C-alpha atoms as a PDB file:
ATOM      1  CA  MET A   1      47.060  38.570 -29.537  1.00  0.00           C
ATOM      2  CA  ILE A   2      47.012  36.638 -26.267  1.00  0.00           C
ATOM      3  CA  ILE A   3      44.587  39.170 -24.830  1.00  0.00           C
ATOM      4  CA  LYS A   4      42.260  38.634 -27.811  1.00  0.00           C
ATOM      5  CA  ILE A   5      42.395  34.851 -27.339  1.00  0.00           C
ATOM      6  CA  ILE A   6      41.652  35.226 -23.614  1.00  0.00           C
ATOM      7  CA  ASN A   7      38.777  37.653 -24.387  1.00  0.00           C
ATOM      8  CA  ASP A   8      37.327  35.256 -26.990  1.00  0.00           C
ATOM      9  CA  PHE A   9      37.624  32.379 -24.534  1.00  0.00           C
ATOM     10  CA  LEU A  10      35.877  34.373 -21.770  1.00  0.00           C
ATOM     11  CA  ASN A  11      33.078  35.392 -24.166  1.00  0.00           C
ATOM     12  CA  TYR A  12      32.682  31.745 -25.132  1.00  0.00           C
ATOM     13  CA  ILE A  13      32.376  30.721 -21.454  1.00  0.00           C
ATOM     14  CA  ILE A  14      29.804  33.486 -20.814  1.00  0.00           C
ATOM     15  CA  LYS A  15      27.734  32.322 -23.800  1.00  0.00           C
ATOM     16  CA  MET A  16      27.970  28.711 -22.602  1.00  0.00           C
ATOM     17  CA  LYS A  17      26.813  29.741 -19.115  1.00  0.00           C
ATOM     18  CA  LYS A  18      23.843  31.486 -20.690  1.00  0.00           C
ATOM     19  CA  HIS A  19      23.004  28.407 -22.775  1.00  0.00           C
ATOM     20  CA  MET A  20      23.463  26.146 -19.761  1.00  0.00           C
ATOM     21  CA  SER A  21      21.116  28.298 -17.689  1.00  0.00           C
ATOM     22  CA  TYR A  22      18.510  28.053 -20.482  1.00  0.00           C
ATOM     23  CA  LEU A  23      18.962  24.290 -20.561  1.00  0.00           C
ATOM     24  CA  VAL A  24      18.608  24.001 -16.766  1.00  0.00           C
ATOM     25  CA  PHE A  25      15.501  26.229 -16.820  1.00  0.00           C
ATOM     26  CA  PHE A  26      13.998  24.128 -19.631  1.00  0.00           C
ATOM     27  CA  LEU A  27      14.657  20.865 -17.724  1.00  0.00           C
ATOM     28  CA  ILE A  28      13.068  22.276 -14.558  1.00  0.00           C
ATOM     29  CA  LEU A  29      10.038  23.391 -16.557  1.00  0.00           C
ATOM     30  CA  ILE A  30       9.602  19.966 -18.108  1.00  0.00           C
ATOM     31  CA  SER A  31       9.940  18.146 -14.777  1.00  0.00           C
ATOM     32  CA  CYS A  32       7.347  20.435 -13.163  1.00  0.00           C
ATOM     33  CA  LYS A  33       4.985  19.894 -16.064  1.00  0.00           C
ATOM     34  CA  ASP A  34       5.350  16.108 -15.766  1.00  0.00           C
ATOM     35  CA  ASN A  35       4.680  16.349 -12.042  1.00  0.00           C
ATOM     36  CA  LYS A  36       1.511  18.356 -12.681  1.00  0.00           C
ATOM     37  CA  ILE A  37       0.343  15.802 -15.221  1.00  0.00           C
ATOM     38  CA  SER A  38       0.846  12.886 -12.843  1.00  0.00           C
ATOM     39  CA  LYS A  39      -0.996  14.738 -10.054  1.00  0.00           C
ATOM     40  CA  ASN A  40      -3.860  15.550 -12.447  1.00  0.00           C
ATOM     41  CA  GLN A  41      -4.008  11.944 -13.588  1.00  0.00           C
ATOM     42  CA  GLU A  42      -4.234  10.852  -9.957  1.00  0.00           C
ATOM     43  CA  ASN A  43      -6.964  13.422  -9.278  1.00  0.00           C
ATOM     44  CA  ASN A  44      -8.893  12.226 -12.337  1.00  0.00           C
ATOM     45  CA  ARG A  45      -9.160   8.647 -11.140  1.00  0.00           C
ATOM     46  CA  PRO A  46     -12.785   7.613 -10.920  1.00  0.00           C
ATOM     47  CA  PHE A  47     -14.582   6.599  -7.748  1.00  0.00           C
ATOM     48  CA  GLU A  48     -14.414   2.791  -7.727  1.00  0.00           C
ATOM     49  CA  ILE A  49     -15.925  -0.103  -5.840  1.00  0.00           C
ATOM     50  CA  ILE A  50     -14.167  -3.451  -6.201  1.00  0.00           C
ATOM     51  CA  ILE A  51     -15.862  -6.530  -4.807  1.00  0.00           C
ATOM     52  CA  ASP A  52     -14.379  -9.994  -4.357  1.00  0.00           C
ATOM     53  CA  LEU A  53     -17.253 -12.438  -4.485  1.00  0.00           C
ATOM     54  CA  ILE A  54     -18.314 -15.955  -5.283  1.00  0.00           C
ATOM     55  CA  ILE A  55     -21.352 -16.080  -7.553  1.00  0.00           C
ATOM     56  CA  ILE A  56     -22.314 -19.502  -8.932  1.00  0.00           C
ATOM     57  CA  LYS A  57     -24.476 -18.656 -11.960  1.00  0.00           C
ATOM     58  CA  ASN A  58     -24.074 -16.085 -14.740  1.00  0.00           C
ATOM     59  CA  ASP A  59     -25.564 -12.779 -13.704  1.00  0.00           C
ATOM     60  CA  ASN A  60     -25.406  -9.000 -13.836  1.00  0.00           C
ATOM     61  CA  ALA A  61     -24.474  -6.728 -10.969  1.00  0.00           C
ATOM     62  CA  ILE A  62     -25.584  -3.111 -10.942  1.00  0.00           C
ATOM     63  CA  LEU A  63     -24.306  -0.190  -8.924  1.00  0.00           C
ATOM     64  CA  TYR A  64     -26.809   2.654  -8.717  1.00  0.00           C
ATOM     65  CA  TYR A  65     -25.596   5.998  -7.474  1.00  0.00           C
ATOM     66  CA  ARG A  66     -26.972   9.402  -6.633  1.00  0.00           C
ATOM     67  CA  ASP A  67     -24.685  12.346  -7.166  1.00  0.00           C
ATOM     68  CA  GLY A  68     -26.879  15.361  -6.447  1.00  0.00           C
ATOM     69  CA  SER A  69     -28.259  15.538  -9.982  1.00  0.00           C
ATOM     70  CA  ASN A  70     -30.789  12.762  -9.292  1.00  0.00           C
ATOM     71  CA  GLU A  71     -33.168  12.347  -6.385  1.00  0.00           C
ATOM     72  CA  TRP A  72     -33.895   8.639  -7.012  1.00  0.00           C
ATOM     73  CA  PHE A  73     -31.840   5.727  -8.272  1.00  0.00           C
ATOM     74  CA  ASP A  74     -32.294   5.387 -12.030  1.00  0.00           C
ATOM     75  CA  GLU A  75     -30.783   3.628 -15.045  1.00  0.00           C
ATOM     76  CA  LYS A  76     -28.995   6.797 -16.202  1.00  0.00           C
ATOM     77  CA  HIS A  77     -27.040   6.798 -12.933  1.00  0.00           C
ATOM     78  CA  SER A  78     -25.945   3.170 -12.864  1.00  0.00           C
ATOM     79  CA  VAL A  79     -23.020   0.972 -13.813  1.00  0.00           C
ATOM     80  CA  TRP A  80     -23.716  -2.570 -15.034  1.00  0.00           C
ATOM     81  CA  VAL A  81     -21.173  -5.399 -14.932  1.00  0.00           C
ATOM     82  CA  GLY A  82     -21.759  -8.879 -16.337  1.00  0.00           C
ATOM     83  CA  LEU A  83     -20.524 -11.830 -14.305  1.00  0.00           C
ATOM     84  CA  ALA A  84     -19.674 -15.341 -15.430  1.00  0.00           C
ATOM     85  CA  GLY A  85     -20.765 -17.847 -12.822  1.00  0.00           C
ATOM     86  CA  SER A  86     -17.981 -19.665 -10.995  1.00  0.00           C
ATOM     87  CA  LYS A  87     -17.339 -21.519  -7.750  1.00  0.00           C
ATOM     88  CA  LYS A  88     -14.069 -19.571  -7.490  1.00  0.00           C
ATOM     89  CA  ALA A  89     -13.746 -16.035  -6.183  1.00  0.00           C
ATOM     90  CA  GLN A  90     -13.726 -13.291  -8.794  1.00  0.00           C
ATOM     91  CA  LYS A  91     -13.426  -9.514  -8.866  1.00  0.00           C
ATOM     92  CA  LEU A  92     -16.312  -7.255  -9.706  1.00  0.00           C
ATOM     93  CA  LYS A  93     -15.247  -3.692 -10.469  1.00  0.00           C
ATOM     94  CA  PHE A  94     -17.534  -0.678 -10.719  1.00  0.00           C
ATOM     95  CA  SER A  95     -15.990   2.580 -11.940  1.00  0.00           C
ATOM     96  CA  LEU A  96     -18.186   5.666 -11.807  1.00  0.00           C
ATOM     97  CA  PRO A  97     -17.797   8.164 -14.651  1.00  0.00           C
ATOM     98  CA  LYS A  98     -14.857  10.543 -14.155  1.00  0.00           C
ATOM     99  CA  GLY A  99     -15.760  13.525 -12.048  1.00  0.00           C
ATOM    100  CA  VAL A 100     -18.778  11.817 -10.442  1.00  0.00           C
ATOM    101  CA  LEU A 101     -18.755  11.618  -6.659  1.00  0.00           C
ATOM    102  CA  PRO A 102     -21.670   9.709  -5.158  1.00  0.00           C
ATOM    103  CA  ASN A 103     -23.720  10.787  -2.166  1.00  0.00           C
ATOM    104  CA  HIS A 104     -25.686   7.513  -2.020  1.00  0.00           C
ATOM    105  CA  LEU A 105     -25.145   3.979  -3.369  1.00  0.00           C
ATOM    106  CA  ARG A 106     -27.219   0.892  -3.981  1.00  0.00           C
ATOM    107  CA  LEU A 107     -25.687  -2.456  -4.963  1.00  0.00           C
ATOM    108  CA  ASP A 108     -27.874  -4.901  -6.891  1.00  0.00           C
ATOM    109  CA  PHE A 109     -25.714  -7.991  -7.028  1.00  0.00           C
ATOM    110  CA  SER A 110     -28.127 -10.215  -8.972  1.00  0.00           C
ATOM    111  CA  ASN A 111     -30.868  -9.954 -11.562  1.00  0.00           C
ATOM    112  CA  ASN A 112     -30.978 -13.719 -12.221  1.00  0.00           C
ATOM    113  CA  PRO A 113     -33.943 -15.196 -10.252  1.00  0.00           C
ATOM    114  CA  LYS A 114     -32.258 -18.626 -10.415  1.00  0.00           C
ATOM    115  CA  GLN A 115     -29.102 -17.391  -8.693  1.00  0.00           C
ATOM    116  CA  GLU A 116     -27.752 -19.517  -5.862  1.00  0.00           C
ATOM    117  CA  PRO A 117     -26.546 -18.105  -2.528  1.00  0.00           C
ATOM    118  CA  LEU A 118     -23.428 -16.021  -3.013  1.00  0.00           C
ATOM    119  CA  ARG A 119     -20.590 -14.711  -0.851  1.00  0.00           C
ATOM    120  CA  LEU A 120     -19.254 -11.175  -0.604  1.00  0.00           C
ATOM    121  CA  LEU A 121     -15.639 -11.763   0.444  1.00  0.00           C
ATOM    122  CA  ASN A 122     -14.295  -8.236   0.380  1.00  0.00           C
ATOM    123  CA  ILE A 123     -15.332  -4.762  -0.741  1.00  0.00           C
ATOM    124  CA  LYS A 124     -12.860  -1.956  -1.519  1.00  0.00           C
ATOM    125  CA  ILE A 125     -13.891   1.620  -2.077  1.00  0.00           C
ATOM    126  CA  LYS A 126     -11.212   3.611  -3.903  1.00  0.00           C
ATOM    127  CA  TYR A 127     -10.931   7.265  -4.774  1.00  0.00           C
ATOM    128  CA  GLN A 128      -7.689   8.877  -5.900  1.00  0.00           C
ATOM    129  CA  ASN A 129      -5.021   7.320  -3.678  1.00  0.00           C
ATOM    130  CA  ARG A 130      -7.370   6.559  -0.767  1.00  0.00           C
ATOM    131  CA  VAL A 131      -8.867   3.140  -0.030  1.00  0.00           C
ATOM    132  CA  PHE A 132     -11.459   1.887   2.429  1.00  0.00           C
ATOM    133  CA  GLU A 133     -11.778  -1.875   2.767  1.00  0.00           C
ATOM    134  CA  ILE A 134     -14.714  -3.856   4.145  1.00  0.00           C
ATOM    135  CA  LYS A 135     -13.966  -7.451   5.067  1.00  0.00           C
ATOM    136  CA  GLU A 136     -16.528 -10.246   4.639  1.00  0.00           C
ATOM    137  CA  GLU A 137     -17.583 -10.242   8.297  1.00  0.00           C
ATOM    138  CA  GLU A 138     -18.074  -6.432   8.248  1.00  0.00           C
ATOM    139  CA  VAL A 139     -20.338  -6.101   5.193  1.00  0.00           C
ATOM    140  CA  LEU A 140     -23.575  -5.838   7.180  1.00  0.00           C
ATOM    141  CA  ASN A 141     -21.995  -3.144   9.385  1.00  0.00           C
ATOM    142  CA  TYR A 142     -21.930  -0.858   6.331  1.00  0.00           C
ATOM    143  CA  PHE A 143     -24.874  -2.088   4.230  1.00  0.00           C
ATOM    144  CA  ASN A 144     -28.546  -2.817   4.855  1.00  0.00           C
ATOM    145  CA  MET A 145     -30.267  -5.656   2.979  1.00  0.00           C
ATOM    146  CA  ASN A 146     -33.717  -5.420   1.474  1.00  0.00           C
ATOM    147  CA  GLU A 147     -36.349  -8.157   1.921  1.00  0.00           C
ATOM    148  CA  CYS A 148     -35.113 -10.009  -1.190  1.00  0.00           C
ATOM    149  CA  ILE A 149     -32.011 -11.236   0.627  1.00  0.00           C
ATOM    150  CA  ILE A 150     -31.666 -13.834   3.350  1.00  0.00           C
ATOM    151  CA  PHE A 151     -28.285 -13.860   5.058  1.00  0.00           C
ATOM    152  CA  ASP A 152     -26.974 -17.198   6.362  1.00  0.00           C
ATOM    153  CA  LYS A 153     -24.533 -16.243   9.128  1.00  0.00           C
ATOM    154  CA  ALA A 154     -23.071 -19.757   9.461  1.00  0.00           C
ATOM    155  CA  LYS A 155     -22.273 -20.074   5.738  1.00  0.00           C
ATOM    156  CA  LYS A 156     -21.654 -16.321   5.226  1.00  0.00           C
ATOM    157  CA  THR A 157     -23.906 -16.406   2.170  1.00  0.00           C
ATOM    158  CA  TYR A 158     -26.490 -14.016   0.770  1.00  0.00           C
ATOM    159  CA  ASN A 159     -29.449 -15.850  -0.703  1.00  0.00           C
ATOM    160  CA  PRO A 160     -31.339 -13.690  -3.226  1.00  0.00           C
ATOM    161  CA  ILE A 161     -35.096 -14.419  -3.227  1.00  0.00           C
ATOM    162  CA  LYS A 162     -38.401 -12.964  -4.427  1.00  0.00           C
ATOM    163  CA  ASP A 163     -40.198 -10.639  -2.038  1.00  0.00           C
ATOM    164  CA  SER A 164     -43.713 -11.196  -0.646  1.00  0.00           C
ATOM    165  CA  ASN A 165     -45.170  -9.786  -3.910  1.00  0.00           C
ATOM    166  CA  GLY A 166     -43.156 -12.190  -6.075  1.00  0.00           C
ATOM    167  CA  ILE A 167     -40.671  -9.495  -7.214  1.00  0.00           C
ATOM    168  CA  TYR A 168     -36.996 -10.414  -7.549  1.00  0.00           C
ATOM    169  CA  ASP A 169     -34.872  -7.373  -6.705  1.00  0.00           C
ATOM    170  CA  PRO A 170     -32.133  -8.160  -4.144  1.00  0.00           C
ATOM    171  CA  TYR A 171     -29.978  -5.187  -3.200  1.00  0.00           C
ATOM    172  CA  LEU A 172     -27.860  -3.638  -0.497  1.00  0.00           C
ATOM    173  CA  LEU A 173     -28.083   0.017   0.508  1.00  0.00           C
ATOM    174  CA  ILE A 174     -25.267   1.836   2.251  1.00  0.00           C
ATOM    175  CA  ASN A 175     -25.952   2.922   5.825  1.00  0.00           C
ATOM    176  CA  GLU A 176     -24.732   5.752   8.060  1.00  0.00           C
ATOM    177  CA  LYS A 177     -21.400   4.058   8.886  1.00  0.00           C
ATOM    178  CA  PHE A 178     -20.653   3.743   5.181  1.00  0.00           C
ATOM    179  CA  TYR A 179     -21.540   7.430   4.621  1.00  0.00           C
ATOM    180  CA  ILE A 180     -18.928   8.435   7.198  1.00  0.00           C
ATOM    181  CA  LYS A 181     -16.222   6.305   5.551  1.00  0.00           C
ATOM    182  CA  MET A 182     -17.225   7.464   2.048  1.00  0.00           C
ATOM    183  CA  ASP A 183     -17.013  11.072   3.223  1.00  0.00           C
ATOM    184  CA  ASP A 184     -13.526  10.407   4.621  1.00  0.00           C
ATOM    185  CA  ILE A 185     -12.386   8.936   1.296  1.00  0.00           C
ATOM    186  CA  ILE A 186     -13.804  11.753  -0.813  1.00  0.00           C
ATOM    187  CA  MET A 187     -12.631  14.540   1.485  1.00  0.00           C
ATOM    188  CA  GLY A 188      -9.267  12.934   2.187  1.00  0.00           C
ATOM    189  CA  ASN A 189      -9.659  12.686   5.970  1.00  0.00           C
END
């Protein structure tokens, strides 16, 4: 009788070990799955440009991008953001569609011909967990202005104007230094 009780007890312990090993395996599987999900979510973050600026009058800002599927900047490959005019700094955030990685960028920061001079205080380029930041005094190291912008170095303002043909289209194009930094962000260097 005692031997039977001991045998039953040992069988019970063996079954419990088996169940415990299943439970441990299941917990490991779930934790790995959650880890994969969080890594995928991080990898699915869009390419973003966040600009701190002061823009006095209501306006629209447009980020045009080329991604290899377009040779020229076009409306289909753009992100529009409306801005409420303010004398205080505000954030302007452009998020490219998920999975889109740009190979060229153009920033049109105004389509209001009555816009006053504005300031670009900071520009952050984000992709996944990598960030490249351009401070106010460095903007023109990474961007080239077109003829519809006059930069006032003393006031650190960008004055959008009409060009010699009377066309209002102020924009900044990225230059070679920006390409290098953008490549580093995308490639993870």
